[in-house]
Amino acid sequence: MLFIVIYGINFARNKYYLGFYWSREISIFYKEADNSIDWTVVLGVVLMSACKLGGFCLVVITFHFANAAGMNLGIITVIFNFCCITDSIVFYFVFNEKLSKAQLVGSLVMLTGAVFIA
């Protein structure tokens, strides 16, 4: 719902300032060669949104079961914070990506805060 509101505001702002709702020149949804809709990008956006919705539902279910088990819900948040470690390891070996200094410092600060909360 939040993204719908944000995109609605962007559409209204574009119409007010630029005179159109959607610009084909700067849109990622149109092919530059023939100005037709690029359905692979549309499919990617739909699948990404579905995955995010599914992930959000799994987080809600996790909190539900933790509450039913009588766990402190703050512990679940701390466990979720440790995902940056596994993500960093997977992306290093699979995609050969390395953390920048700012990302490393941010992860360490977040993990330090998670340890203090625990």
PDB file of N, CA and C in Angstrom:
ATOM      1  N   MET A   1       0.823  -1.193   0.000  1.00  0.00           N
ATOM      2  CA  MET A   1       0.000   0.000   0.000  1.00  0.00           C
ATOM      3  C   MET A   1       0.866   1.256   0.000  1.00  0.00           C
ATOM      4  N   LEU A   2       1.995   1.197   0.708  1.00  0.00           N
ATOM      5  CA  LEU A   2       2.875   2.360   0.767  1.00  0.00           C
ATOM      6  C   LEU A   2       3.434   2.693  -0.613  1.00  0.00           C
ATOM      7  N   PHE A   3       3.827   1.672  -1.379  1.00  0.00           N
ATOM      8  CA  PHE A   3       4.365   1.921  -2.707  1.00  0.00           C
ATOM      9  C   PHE A   3       3.296   2.496  -3.632  1.00  0.00           C
ATOM     10  N   ILE A   4       2.066   2.058  -3.483  1.00  0.00           N
ATOM     11  CA  ILE A   4       0.980   2.614  -4.290  1.00  0.00           C
ATOM     12  C   ILE A   4       0.822   4.100  -3.987  1.00  0.00           C
ATOM     13  N   VAL A   5       0.884   4.473  -2.719  1.00  0.00           N
ATOM     14  CA  VAL A   5       0.781   5.880  -2.340  1.00  0.00           C
ATOM     15  C   VAL A   5       1.964   6.675  -2.904  1.00  0.00           C
ATOM     16  N   ILE A   6       3.178   6.119  -2.775  1.00  0.00           N
ATOM     17  CA  ILE A   6       4.369   6.825  -3.266  1.00  0.00           C
ATOM     18  C   ILE A   6       4.300   7.020  -4.776  1.00  0.00           C
ATOM     19  N   TYR A   7       3.951   5.957  -5.509  1.00  0.00           N
ATOM     20  CA  TYR A   7       3.860   6.101  -6.958  1.00  0.00           C
ATOM     21  C   TYR A   7       2.712   7.014  -7.362  1.00  0.00           C
ATOM     22  N   GLY A   8       1.616   7.000  -6.617  1.00  0.00           N
ATOM     23  CA  GLY A   8       0.517   7.924  -6.895  1.00  0.00           C
ATOM     24  C   GLY A   8       0.945   9.372  -6.725  1.00  0.00           C
ATOM     25  N   ILE A   9       1.710   9.643  -5.676  1.00  0.00           N
ATOM     26  CA  ILE A   9       2.225  10.998  -5.461  1.00  0.00           C
ATOM     27  C   ILE A   9       3.187  11.383  -6.581  1.00  0.00           C
ATOM     28  N   ASN A  10       4.052  10.447  -6.989  1.00  0.00           N
ATOM     29  CA  ASN A  10       4.977  10.727  -8.091  1.00  0.00           C
ATOM     30  C   ASN A  10       4.232  11.006  -9.386  1.00  0.00           C
ATOM     31  N   PHE A  11       3.196  10.237  -9.684  1.00  0.00           N
ATOM     32  CA  PHE A  11       2.406  10.487 -10.890  1.00  0.00           C
ATOM     33  C   PHE A  11       1.782  11.873 -10.843  1.00  0.00           C
ATOM     34  N   ALA A  12       1.169  12.213  -9.704  1.00  0.00           N
ATOM     35  CA  ALA A  12       0.535  13.529  -9.579  1.00  0.00           C
ATOM     36  C   ALA A  12       1.573  14.647  -9.689  1.00  0.00           C
ATOM     37  N   ARG A  13       2.735  14.458  -9.084  1.00  0.00           N
ATOM     38  CA  ARG A  13       3.796  15.463  -9.155  1.00  0.00           C
ATOM     39  C   ARG A  13       4.289  15.633 -10.587  1.00  0.00           C
ATOM     40  N   ASN A  14       4.474  14.516 -11.313  1.00  0.00           N
ATOM     41  CA  ASN A  14       4.888  14.608 -12.713  1.00  0.00           C
ATOM     42  C   ASN A  14       3.858  15.359 -13.542  1.00  0.00           C
ATOM     43  N   LYS A  15       2.586  15.072 -13.319  1.00  0.00           N
ATOM     44  CA  LYS A  15       1.533  15.751 -14.078  1.00  0.00           C
ATOM     45  C   LYS A  15       1.528  17.241 -13.770  1.00  0.00           C
ATOM     46  N   TYR A  16       1.727  17.602 -12.507  1.00  0.00           N
ATOM     47  CA  TYR A  16       1.675  19.003 -12.105  1.00  0.00           C
ATOM     48  C   TYR A  16       2.882  19.779 -12.640  1.00  0.00           C
ATOM     49  N   TYR A  17       4.097  19.220 -12.475  1.00  0.00           N
ATOM     50  CA  TYR A  17       5.308  19.934 -12.859  1.00  0.00           C
ATOM     51  C   TYR A  17       5.685  19.766 -14.328  1.00  0.00           C
ATOM     52  N   LEU A  18       5.501  18.576 -14.872  1.00  0.00           N
ATOM     53  CA  LEU A  18       5.979  18.284 -16.221  1.00  0.00           C
ATOM     54  C   LEU A  18       4.877  18.204 -17.268  1.00  0.00           C
ATOM     55  N   GLY A  19       3.636  18.043 -16.823  1.00  0.00           N
ATOM     56  CA  GLY A  19       2.523  17.995 -17.773  1.00  0.00           C
ATOM     57  C   GLY A  19       2.148  16.600 -18.243  1.00  0.00           C
ATOM     58  N   PHE A  20       2.795  15.562 -17.722  1.00  0.00           N
ATOM     59  CA  PHE A  20       2.439  14.190 -18.097  1.00  0.00           C
ATOM     60  C   PHE A  20       2.603  13.288 -16.882  1.00  0.00           C
ATOM     61  N   TYR A  21       1.884  12.165 -16.910  1.00  0.00           N
ATOM     62  CA  TYR A  21       1.970  11.223 -15.801  1.00  0.00           C
ATOM     63  C   TYR A  21       3.201  10.330 -15.901  1.00  0.00           C
ATOM     64  N   TRP A  22       3.528   9.914 -17.116  1.00  0.00           N
ATOM     65  CA  TRP A  22       4.567   8.904 -17.323  1.00  0.00           C
ATOM     66  C   TRP A  22       5.413   9.317 -18.510  1.00  0.00           C
ATOM     67  N   SER A  23       6.711   9.376 -18.337  1.00  0.00           N
ATOM     68  CA  SER A  23       7.619   9.765 -19.413  1.00  0.00           C
ATOM     69  C   SER A  23       8.224   8.518 -20.051  1.00  0.00           C
ATOM     70  N   ARG A  24       7.995   8.350 -21.336  1.00  0.00           N
ATOM     71  CA  ARG A  24       8.581   7.206 -22.040  1.00  0.00           C
ATOM     72  C   ARG A  24      10.095   7.354 -22.186  1.00  0.00           C
ATOM     73  N   GLU A  25      10.568   8.581 -22.192  1.00  0.00           N
ATOM     74  CA  GLU A  25      11.999   8.809 -22.406  1.00  0.00           C
ATOM     75  C   GLU A  25      12.839   8.300 -21.242  1.00  0.00           C
ATOM     76  N   ILE A  26      12.339   8.399 -20.016  1.00  0.00           N
ATOM     77  CA  ILE A  26      13.134   8.009 -18.856  1.00  0.00           C
ATOM     78  C   ILE A  26      12.625   6.729 -18.193  1.00  0.00           C
ATOM     79  N   SER A  27      11.592   6.133 -18.757  1.00  0.00           N
ATOM     80  CA  SER A  27      11.009   4.935 -18.164  1.00  0.00           C
ATOM     81  C   SER A  27      11.843   3.694 -18.499  1.00  0.00           C
ATOM     82  N   ILE A  28      11.964   2.795 -17.526  1.00  0.00           N
ATOM     83  CA  ILE A  28      12.676   1.544 -17.774  1.00  0.00           C
ATOM     84  C   ILE A  28      11.780   0.505 -18.431  1.00  0.00           C
ATOM     85  N   PHE A  29      10.501   0.798 -18.538  1.00  0.00           N
ATOM     86  CA  PHE A  29       9.552  -0.180 -19.053  1.00  0.00           C
ATOM     87  C   PHE A  29       9.426  -0.151 -20.577  1.00  0.00           C
ATOM     88  N   TYR A  30      10.105   0.753 -21.241  1.00  0.00           N
ATOM     89  CA  TYR A  30      10.025   0.850 -22.697  1.00  0.00           C
ATOM     90  C   TYR A  30      11.391   0.569 -23.307  1.00  0.00           C
ATOM     91  N   LYS A  31      11.385  -0.160 -24.433  1.00  0.00           N
ATOM     92  CA  LYS A  31      12.610  -0.433 -25.181  1.00  0.00           C
ATOM     93  C   LYS A  31      13.003   0.830 -25.949  1.00  0.00           C
ATOM     94  N   GLU A  32      14.290   1.119 -25.985  1.00  0.00           N
ATOM     95  CA  GLU A  32      14.738   2.309 -26.701  1.00  0.00           C
ATOM     96  C   GLU A  32      14.649   2.120 -28.213  1.00  0.00           C
ATOM     97  N   ALA A  33      14.818   0.886 -28.690  1.00  0.00           N
ATOM     98  CA  ALA A  33      14.881   0.648 -30.130  1.00  0.00           C
ATOM     99  C   ALA A  33      13.564   0.968 -30.829  1.00  0.00           C
ATOM    100  N   ASP A  34      12.464   0.402 -30.336  1.00  0.00           N
ATOM    101  CA  ASP A  34      11.189   0.584 -31.029  1.00  0.00           C
ATOM    102  C   ASP A  34      10.098   1.201 -30.154  1.00  0.00           C
ATOM    103  N   ASN A  35      10.449   1.660 -28.957  1.00  0.00           N
ATOM    104  CA  ASN A  35       9.522   2.343 -28.043  1.00  0.00           C
ATOM    105  C   ASN A  35       8.321   1.477 -27.675  1.00  0.00           C
ATOM    106  N   SER A  36       8.529   0.156 -27.617  1.00  0.00           N
ATOM    107  CA  SER A  36       7.460  -0.749 -27.183  1.00  0.00           C
ATOM    108  C   SER A  36       7.725  -1.170 -25.742  1.00  0.00           C
ATOM    109  N   ILE A  37       6.717  -1.725 -25.110  1.00  0.00           N
ATOM    110  CA  ILE A  37       6.847  -2.130 -23.712  1.00  0.00           C
ATOM    111  C   ILE A  37       7.788  -3.329 -23.610  1.00  0.00           C
ATOM    112  N   ASP A  38       8.728  -3.253 -22.677  1.00  0.00           N
ATOM    113  CA  ASP A  38       9.662  -4.346 -22.419  1.00  0.00           C
ATOM    114  C   ASP A  38       9.036  -5.246 -21.348  1.00  0.00           C
ATOM    115  N   TRP A  39       8.425  -6.330 -21.787  1.00  0.00           N
ATOM    116  CA  TRP A  39       7.674  -7.193 -20.874  1.00  0.00           C
ATOM    117  C   TRP A  39       8.577  -7.937 -19.899  1.00  0.00           C
ATOM    118  N   THR A  40       9.860  -8.109 -20.220  1.00  0.00           N
ATOM    119  CA  THR A  40      10.753  -8.765 -19.269  1.00  0.00           C
ATOM    120  C   THR A  40      10.966  -7.889 -18.038  1.00  0.00           C
ATOM    121  N   VAL A  41      11.028  -6.579 -18.224  1.00  0.00           N
ATOM    122  CA  VAL A  41      11.169  -5.674 -17.086  1.00  0.00           C
ATOM    123  C   VAL A  41       9.883  -5.661 -16.265  1.00  0.00           C
ATOM    124  N   VAL A  42       8.738  -5.644 -16.947  1.00  0.00           N
ATOM    125  CA  VAL A  42       7.460  -5.674 -16.235  1.00  0.00           C
ATOM    126  C   VAL A  42       7.343  -6.960 -15.421  1.00  0.00           C
ATOM    127  N   LEU A  43       7.701  -8.093 -16.020  1.00  0.00           N
ATOM    128  CA  LEU A  43       7.665  -9.376 -15.309  1.00  0.00           C
ATOM    129  C   LEU A  43       8.625  -9.358 -14.116  1.00  0.00           C
ATOM    130  N   GLY A  44       9.802  -8.781 -14.294  1.00  0.00           N
ATOM    131  CA  GLY A  44      10.759  -8.692 -13.195  1.00  0.00           C
ATOM    132  C   GLY A  44      10.229  -7.874 -12.036  1.00  0.00           C
ATOM    133  N   VAL A  45       9.568  -6.760 -12.333  1.00  0.00           N
ATOM    134  CA  VAL A  45       8.998  -5.925 -11.271  1.00  0.00           C
ATOM    135  C   VAL A  45       7.874  -6.663 -10.553  1.00  0.00           C
ATOM    136  N   VAL A  46       7.045  -7.367 -11.304  1.00  0.00           N
ATOM    137  CA  VAL A  46       5.943  -8.118 -10.685  1.00  0.00           C
ATOM    138  C   VAL A  46       6.495  -9.243  -9.808  1.00  0.00           C
ATOM    139  N   LEU A  47       7.484  -9.983 -10.311  1.00  0.00           N
ATOM    140  CA  LEU A  47       8.071 -11.069  -9.520  1.00  0.00           C
ATOM    141  C   LEU A  47       8.801 -10.541  -8.288  1.00  0.00           C
ATOM    142  N   MET A  48       9.494  -9.412  -8.423  1.00  0.00           N
ATOM    143  CA  MET A  48      10.176  -8.824  -7.278  1.00  0.00           C
ATOM    144  C   MET A  48       9.163  -8.408  -6.210  1.00  0.00           C
ATOM    145  N   SER A  49       8.061  -7.816  -6.639  1.00  0.00           N
ATOM    146  CA  SER A  49       7.030  -7.411  -5.689  1.00  0.00           C
ATOM    147  C   SER A  49       6.399  -8.617  -5.006  1.00  0.00           C
ATOM    148  N   ALA A  50       6.177  -9.694  -5.770  1.00  0.00           N
ATOM    149  CA  ALA A  50       5.609 -10.908  -5.179  1.00  0.00           C
ATOM    150  C   ALA A  50       6.568 -11.525  -4.169  1.00  0.00           C
ATOM    151  N   CYS A  51       7.867 -11.514  -4.476  1.00  0.00           N
ATOM    152  CA  CYS A  51       8.854 -12.055  -3.531  1.00  0.00           C
ATOM    153  C   CYS A  51       8.925 -11.215  -2.266  1.00  0.00           C
ATOM    154  N   LYS A  52       8.862  -9.901  -2.403  1.00  0.00           N
ATOM    155  CA  LYS A  52       8.876  -9.034  -1.222  1.00  0.00           C
ATOM    156  C   LYS A  52       7.632  -9.243  -0.372  1.00  0.00           C
ATOM    157  N   LEU A  53       6.484  -9.400  -1.010  1.00  0.00           N
ATOM    158  CA  LEU A  53       5.255  -9.670  -0.272  1.00  0.00           C
ATOM    159  C   LEU A  53       5.348 -11.011   0.447  1.00  0.00           C
ATOM    160  N   GLY A  54       5.888 -12.025  -0.239  1.00  0.00           N
ATOM    161  CA  GLY A  54       6.063 -13.331   0.392  1.00  0.00           C
ATOM    162  C   GLY A  54       7.019 -13.267   1.569  1.00  0.00           C
ATOM    163  N   GLY A  55       8.112 -12.527   1.413  1.00  0.00           N
ATOM    164  CA  GLY A  55       9.055 -12.366   2.514  1.00  0.00           C
ATOM    165  C   GLY A  55       8.437 -11.650   3.695  1.00  0.00           C
ATOM    166  N   PHE A  56       7.639 -10.629   3.428  1.00  0.00           N
ATOM    167  CA  PHE A  56       6.956  -9.924   4.507  1.00  0.00           C
ATOM    168  C   PHE A  56       5.991 -10.857   5.236  1.00  0.00           C
ATOM    169  N   CYS A  57       5.269 -11.674   4.476  1.00  0.00           N
ATOM    170  CA  CYS A  57       4.345 -12.635   5.109  1.00  0.00           C
ATOM    171  C   CYS A  57       5.113 -13.635   5.974  1.00  0.00           C
ATOM    172  N   LEU A  58       6.281 -14.076   5.517  1.00  0.00           N
ATOM    173  CA  LEU A  58       7.084 -14.999   6.318  1.00  0.00           C
ATOM    174  C   LEU A  58       7.584 -14.350   7.604  1.00  0.00           C
ATOM    175  N   VAL A  59       7.932 -13.073   7.537  1.00  0.00           N
ATOM    176  CA  VAL A  59       8.346 -12.358   8.748  1.00  0.00           C
ATOM    177  C   VAL A  59       7.191 -12.279   9.734  1.00  0.00           C
ATOM    178  N   VAL A  60       5.994 -11.977   9.249  1.00  0.00           N
ATOM    179  CA  VAL A  60       4.825 -11.903  10.120  1.00  0.00           C
ATOM    180  C   VAL A  60       4.542 -13.266  10.752  1.00  0.00           C
ATOM    181  N   ILE A  61       4.657 -14.328   9.968  1.00  0.00           N
ATOM    182  CA  ILE A  61       4.432 -15.678  10.492  1.00  0.00           C
ATOM    183  C   ILE A  61       5.493 -16.026  11.546  1.00  0.00           C
ATOM    184  N   THR A  62       6.748 -15.594  11.300  1.00  0.00           N
ATOM    185  CA  THR A  62       7.809 -15.844  12.271  1.00  0.00           C
ATOM    186  C   THR A  62       7.483 -15.188  13.604  1.00  0.00           C
ATOM    187  N   PHE A  63       7.054 -13.926  13.555  1.00  0.00           N
ATOM    188  CA  PHE A  63       6.693 -13.243  14.797  1.00  0.00           C
ATOM    189  C   PHE A  63       5.480 -13.895  15.462  1.00  0.00           C
ATOM    190  N   HIS A  64       4.550 -14.398  14.671  1.00  0.00           N
ATOM    191  CA  HIS A  64       3.370 -15.072  15.236  1.00  0.00           C
ATOM    192  C   HIS A  64       3.783 -16.327  16.007  1.00  0.00           C
ATOM    193  N   PHE A  65       4.628 -17.160  15.391  1.00  0.00           N
ATOM    194  CA  PHE A  65       5.036 -18.384  16.067  1.00  0.00           C
ATOM    195  C   PHE A  65       5.930 -18.098  17.271  1.00  0.00           C
ATOM    196  N   ALA A  66       6.770 -17.066  17.183  1.00  0.00           N
ATOM    197  CA  ALA A  66       7.601 -16.704  18.332  1.00  0.00           C
ATOM    198  C   ALA A  66       6.731 -16.227  19.486  1.00  0.00           C
ATOM    199  N   ASN A  67       5.698 -15.475  19.184  1.00  0.00           N
ATOM    200  CA  ASN A  67       4.767 -15.014  20.218  1.00  0.00           C
ATOM    201  C   ASN A  67       4.003 -16.190  20.814  1.00  0.00           C
ATOM    202  N   ALA A  68       3.589 -17.148  19.967  1.00  0.00           N
ATOM    203  CA  ALA A  68       2.868 -18.321  20.460  1.00  0.00           C
ATOM    204  C   ALA A  68       3.766 -19.197  21.337  1.00  0.00           C
ATOM    205  N   ALA A  69       5.083 -19.195  21.065  1.00  0.00           N
ATOM    206  CA  ALA A  69       6.010 -19.989  21.862  1.00  0.00           C
ATOM    207  C   ALA A  69       6.437 -19.271  23.139  1.00  0.00           C
ATOM    208  N   GLY A  70       6.006 -18.020  23.283  1.00  0.00           N
ATOM    209  CA  GLY A  70       6.360 -17.273  24.483  1.00  0.00           C
ATOM    210  C   GLY A  70       7.751 -16.670  24.444  1.00  0.00           C
ATOM    211  N   MET A  71       8.329 -16.548  23.257  1.00  0.00           N
ATOM    212  CA  MET A  71       9.660 -15.965  23.127  1.00  0.00           C
ATOM    213  C   MET A  71       9.587 -14.447  23.202  1.00  0.00           C
ATOM    214  N   ASN A  72      10.706 -13.846  23.568  1.00  0.00           N
ATOM    215  CA  ASN A  72      10.821 -12.403  23.504  1.00  0.00           C
ATOM    216  C   ASN A  72      10.939 -12.021  22.033  1.00  0.00           C
ATOM    217  N   LEU A  73      10.073 -11.140  21.545  1.00  0.00           N
ATOM    218  CA  LEU A  73      10.068 -10.803  20.122  1.00  0.00           C
ATOM    219  C   LEU A  73      11.298 -10.010  19.716  1.00  0.00           C
ATOM    220  N   GLY A  74      11.982  -9.393  20.673  1.00  0.00           N
ATOM    221  CA  GLY A  74      13.223  -8.697  20.358  1.00  0.00           C
ATOM    222  C   GLY A  74      14.313  -9.639  19.887  1.00  0.00           C
ATOM    223  N   ILE A  75      14.270 -10.878  20.334  1.00  0.00           N
ATOM    224  CA  ILE A  75      15.268 -11.865  19.908  1.00  0.00           C
ATOM    225  C   ILE A  75      15.115 -12.173  18.418  1.00  0.00           C
ATOM    226  N   ILE A  76      13.896 -12.196  17.917  1.00  0.00           N
ATOM    227  CA  ILE A  76      13.668 -12.456  16.492  1.00  0.00           C
ATOM    228  C   ILE A  76      14.293 -11.346  15.661  1.00  0.00           C
ATOM    229  N   THR A  77      14.146 -10.117  16.086  1.00  0.00           N
ATOM    230  CA  THR A  77      14.752  -9.002  15.371  1.00  0.00           C
ATOM    231  C   THR A  77      16.270  -9.120  15.372  1.00  0.00           C
ATOM    232  N   VAL A  78      16.838  -9.537  16.487  1.00  0.00           N
ATOM    233  CA  VAL A  78      18.289  -9.730  16.564  1.00  0.00           C
ATOM    234  C   VAL A  78      18.726 -10.834  15.605  1.00  0.00           C
ATOM    235  N   ILE A  79      17.980 -11.903  15.532  1.00  0.00           N
ATOM    236  CA  ILE A  79      18.306 -12.994  14.610  1.00  0.00           C
ATOM    237  C   ILE A  79      18.245 -12.512  13.163  1.00  0.00           C
ATOM    238  N   PHE A  80      17.241 -11.693  12.833  1.00  0.00           N
ATOM    239  CA  PHE A  80      17.144 -11.146  11.477  1.00  0.00           C
ATOM    240  C   PHE A  80      18.334 -10.251  11.151  1.00  0.00           C
ATOM    241  N   ASN A  81      18.883  -9.565  12.145  1.00  0.00           N
ATOM    242  CA  ASN A  81      20.036  -8.699  11.896  1.00  0.00           C
ATOM    243  C   ASN A  81      21.262  -9.495  11.482  1.00  0.00           C
ATOM    244  N   PHE A  82      21.365 -10.737  11.883  1.00  0.00           N
ATOM    245  CA  PHE A  82      22.520 -11.546  11.526  1.00  0.00           C
ATOM    246  C   PHE A  82      22.451 -12.068  10.090  1.00  0.00           C
ATOM    247  N   CYS A  83      21.383 -11.777   9.382  1.00  0.00           N
ATOM    248  CA  CYS A  83      21.291 -12.176   7.970  1.00  0.00           C
ATOM    249  C   CYS A  83      22.326 -11.465   7.116  1.00  0.00           C
ATOM    250  N   CYS A  84      22.798 -10.282   7.549  1.00  0.00           N
ATOM    251  CA  CYS A  84      23.804  -9.573   6.744  1.00  0.00           C
ATOM    252  C   CYS A  84      25.095 -10.382   6.641  1.00  0.00           C
ATOM    253  N   ILE A  85      25.384 -11.210   7.636  1.00  0.00           N
ATOM    254  CA  ILE A  85      26.590 -12.040   7.582  1.00  0.00           C
ATOM    255  C   ILE A  85      26.435 -13.111   6.507  1.00  0.00           C
ATOM    256  N   THR A  86      25.324 -13.823   6.528  1.00  0.00           N
ATOM    257  CA  THR A  86      25.122 -14.877   5.527  1.00  0.00           C
ATOM    258  C   THR A  86      24.982 -14.288   4.127  1.00  0.00           C
ATOM    259  N   ASP A  87      24.293 -13.155   4.017  1.00  0.00           N
ATOM    260  CA  ASP A  87      24.169 -12.512   2.707  1.00  0.00           C
ATOM    261  C   ASP A  87      25.527 -12.105   2.160  1.00  0.00           C
ATOM    262  N   SER A  88      26.385 -11.553   3.012  1.00  0.00           N
ATOM    263  CA  SER A  88      27.718 -11.130   2.581  1.00  0.00           C
ATOM    264  C   SER A  88      28.541 -12.323   2.109  1.00  0.00           C
ATOM    265  N   ILE A  89      28.450 -13.419   2.815  1.00  0.00           N
ATOM    266  CA  ILE A  89      29.206 -14.616   2.432  1.00  0.00           C
ATOM    267  C   ILE A  89      28.703 -15.176   1.104  1.00  0.00           C
ATOM    268  N   VAL A  90      27.384 -15.271   0.947  1.00  0.00           N
ATOM    269  CA  VAL A  90      26.818 -15.803  -0.294  1.00  0.00           C
ATOM    270  C   VAL A  90      27.175 -14.910  -1.478  1.00  0.00           C
ATOM    271  N   PHE A  91      27.025 -13.588  -1.327  1.00  0.00           N
ATOM    272  CA  PHE A  91      27.311 -12.693  -2.440  1.00  0.00           C
ATOM    273  C   PHE A  91      28.808 -12.629  -2.749  1.00  0.00           C
ATOM    274  N   TYR A  92      29.656 -12.872  -1.760  1.00  0.00           N
ATOM    275  CA  TYR A  92      31.099 -12.907  -2.028  1.00  0.00           C
ATOM    276  C   TYR A  92      31.461 -14.109  -2.900  1.00  0.00           C
ATOM    277  N   PHE A  93      30.930 -15.283  -2.552  1.00  0.00           N
ATOM    278  CA  PHE A  93      31.304 -16.487  -3.288  1.00  0.00           C
ATOM    279  C   PHE A  93      30.525 -16.662  -4.581  1.00  0.00           C
ATOM    280  N   VAL A  94      29.258 -16.271  -4.621  1.00  0.00           N
ATOM    281  CA  VAL A  94      28.450 -16.491  -5.819  1.00  0.00           C
ATOM    282  C   VAL A  94      28.639 -15.373  -6.838  1.00  0.00           C
ATOM    283  N   PHE A  95      28.617 -14.108  -6.377  1.00  0.00           N
ATOM    284  CA  PHE A  95      28.672 -12.976  -7.298  1.00  0.00           C
ATOM    285  C   PHE A  95      29.994 -12.209  -7.253  1.00  0.00           C
ATOM    286  N   ASN A  96      30.941 -12.661  -6.433  1.00  0.00           N
ATOM    287  CA  ASN A  96      32.253 -12.035  -6.294  1.00  0.00           C
ATOM    288  C   ASN A  96      32.147 -10.557  -5.896  1.00  0.00           C
ATOM    289  N   GLU A  97      31.182 -10.236  -5.050  1.00  0.00           N
ATOM    290  CA  GLU A  97      31.015  -8.876  -4.549  1.00  0.00           C
ATOM    291  C   GLU A  97      31.645  -8.762  -3.173  1.00  0.00           C
ATOM    292  N   LYS A  98      32.236  -7.609  -2.925  1.00  0.00           N
ATOM    293  CA  LYS A  98      32.883  -7.365  -1.644  1.00  0.00           C
ATOM    294  C   LYS A  98      32.233  -6.166  -0.977  1.00  0.00           C
ATOM    295  N   LEU A  99      32.210  -6.185   0.345  1.00  0.00           N
ATOM    296  CA  LEU A  99      31.655  -5.063   1.092  1.00  0.00           C
ATOM    297  C   LEU A  99      32.607  -3.884   1.043  1.00  0.00           C
ATOM    298  N   SER A 100      32.036  -2.683   0.878  1.00  0.00           N
ATOM    299  CA  SER A 100      32.854  -1.479   0.973  1.00  0.00           C
ATOM    300  C   SER A 100      33.113  -1.188   2.450  1.00  0.00           C
ATOM    301  N   LYS A 101      33.990  -0.237   2.713  1.00  0.00           N
ATOM    302  CA  LYS A 101      34.291   0.102   4.101  1.00  0.00           C
ATOM    303  C   LYS A 101      33.052   0.630   4.822  1.00  0.00           C
ATOM    304  N   ALA A 102      32.262   1.452   4.131  1.00  0.00           N
ATOM    305  CA  ALA A 102      31.054   1.993   4.753  1.00  0.00           C
ATOM    306  C   ALA A 102      30.051   0.886   5.053  1.00  0.00           C
ATOM    307  N   GLN A 103      29.894  -0.077   4.143  1.00  0.00           N
ATOM    308  CA  GLN A 103      28.984  -1.191   4.379  1.00  0.00           C
ATOM    309  C   GLN A 103      29.470  -2.065   5.517  1.00  0.00           C
ATOM    310  N   LEU A 104      30.762  -2.271   5.586  1.00  0.00           N
ATOM    311  CA  LEU A 104      31.334  -3.089   6.662  1.00  0.00           C
ATOM    312  C   LEU A 104      31.149  -2.413   8.016  1.00  0.00           C
ATOM    313  N   VAL A 105      31.394  -1.114   8.083  1.00  0.00           N
ATOM    314  CA  VAL A 105      31.209  -0.377   9.340  1.00  0.00           C
ATOM    315  C   VAL A 105      29.737  -0.393   9.740  1.00  0.00           C
ATOM    316  N   GLY A 106      28.850  -0.177   8.768  1.00  0.00           N
ATOM    317  CA  GLY A 106      27.414  -0.207   9.066  1.00  0.00           C
ATOM    318  C   GLY A 106      26.957  -1.563   9.575  1.00  0.00           C
ATOM    319  N   SER A 107      27.457  -2.636   8.968  1.00  0.00           N
ATOM    320  CA  SER A 107      27.097  -3.978   9.431  1.00  0.00           C
ATOM    321  C   SER A 107      27.617  -4.242  10.833  1.00  0.00           C
ATOM    322  N   LEU A 108      28.842  -3.795  11.108  1.00  0.00           N
ATOM    323  CA  LEU A 108      29.405  -4.001  12.445  1.00  0.00           C
ATOM    324  C   LEU A 108      28.650  -3.202  13.509  1.00  0.00           C
ATOM    325  N   VAL A 109      28.247  -1.987  13.177  1.00  0.00           N
ATOM    326  CA  VAL A 109      27.466  -1.186  14.125  1.00  0.00           C
ATOM    327  C   VAL A 109      26.112  -1.837  14.391  1.00  0.00           C
ATOM    328  N   MET A 110      25.474  -2.343  13.309  1.00  0.00           N
ATOM    329  CA  MET A 110      24.181  -2.992  13.465  1.00  0.00           C
ATOM    330  C   MET A 110      24.301  -4.270  14.302  1.00  0.00           C
ATOM    331  N   LEU A 111      25.323  -5.057  14.031  1.00  0.00           N
ATOM    332  CA  LEU A 111      25.504  -6.293  14.796  1.00  0.00           C
ATOM    333  C   LEU A 111      25.869  -6.016  16.249  1.00  0.00           C
ATOM    334  N   THR A 112      26.657  -4.970  16.472  1.00  0.00           N
ATOM    335  CA  THR A 112      26.982  -4.591  17.847  1.00  0.00           C
ATOM    336  C   THR A 112      25.729  -4.172  18.609  1.00  0.00           C
ATOM    337  N   GLY A 113      24.877  -3.408  17.953  1.00  0.00           N
ATOM    338  CA  GLY A 113      23.599  -3.030  18.575  1.00  0.00           C
ATOM    339  C   GLY A 113      22.721  -4.236  18.845  1.00  0.00           C
ATOM    340  N   ALA A 114      22.734  -5.211  17.919  1.00  0.00           N
ATOM    341  CA  ALA A 114      21.935  -6.424  18.120  1.00  0.00           C
ATOM    342  C   ALA A 114      22.441  -7.227  19.308  1.00  0.00           C
ATOM    343  N   VAL A 115      23.761  -7.271  19.469  1.00  0.00           N
ATOM    344  CA  VAL A 115      24.327  -7.988  20.619  1.00  0.00           C
ATOM    345  C   VAL A 115      23.935  -7.296  21.919  1.00  0.00           C
ATOM    346  N   PHE A 116      23.969  -5.957  21.944  1.00  0.00           N
ATOM    347  CA  PHE A 116      23.567  -5.238  23.157  1.00  0.00           C
ATOM    348  C   PHE A 116      22.090  -5.437  23.491  1.00  0.00           C
ATOM    349  N   ILE A 117      21.253  -5.512  22.435  1.00  0.00           N
ATOM    350  CA  ILE A 117      19.820  -5.742  22.670  1.00  0.00           C
ATOM    351  C   ILE A 117      19.602  -7.130  23.248  1.00  0.00           C
ATOM    352  N   ALA A 118      20.361  -8.110  22.732  1.00  0.00           N
ATOM    353  CA  ALA A 118      20.196  -9.487  23.200  1.00  0.00           C
ATOM    354  C   ALA A 118      20.638  -9.589  24.644  1.00  0.00           C
TER     355      ALA A 118
END
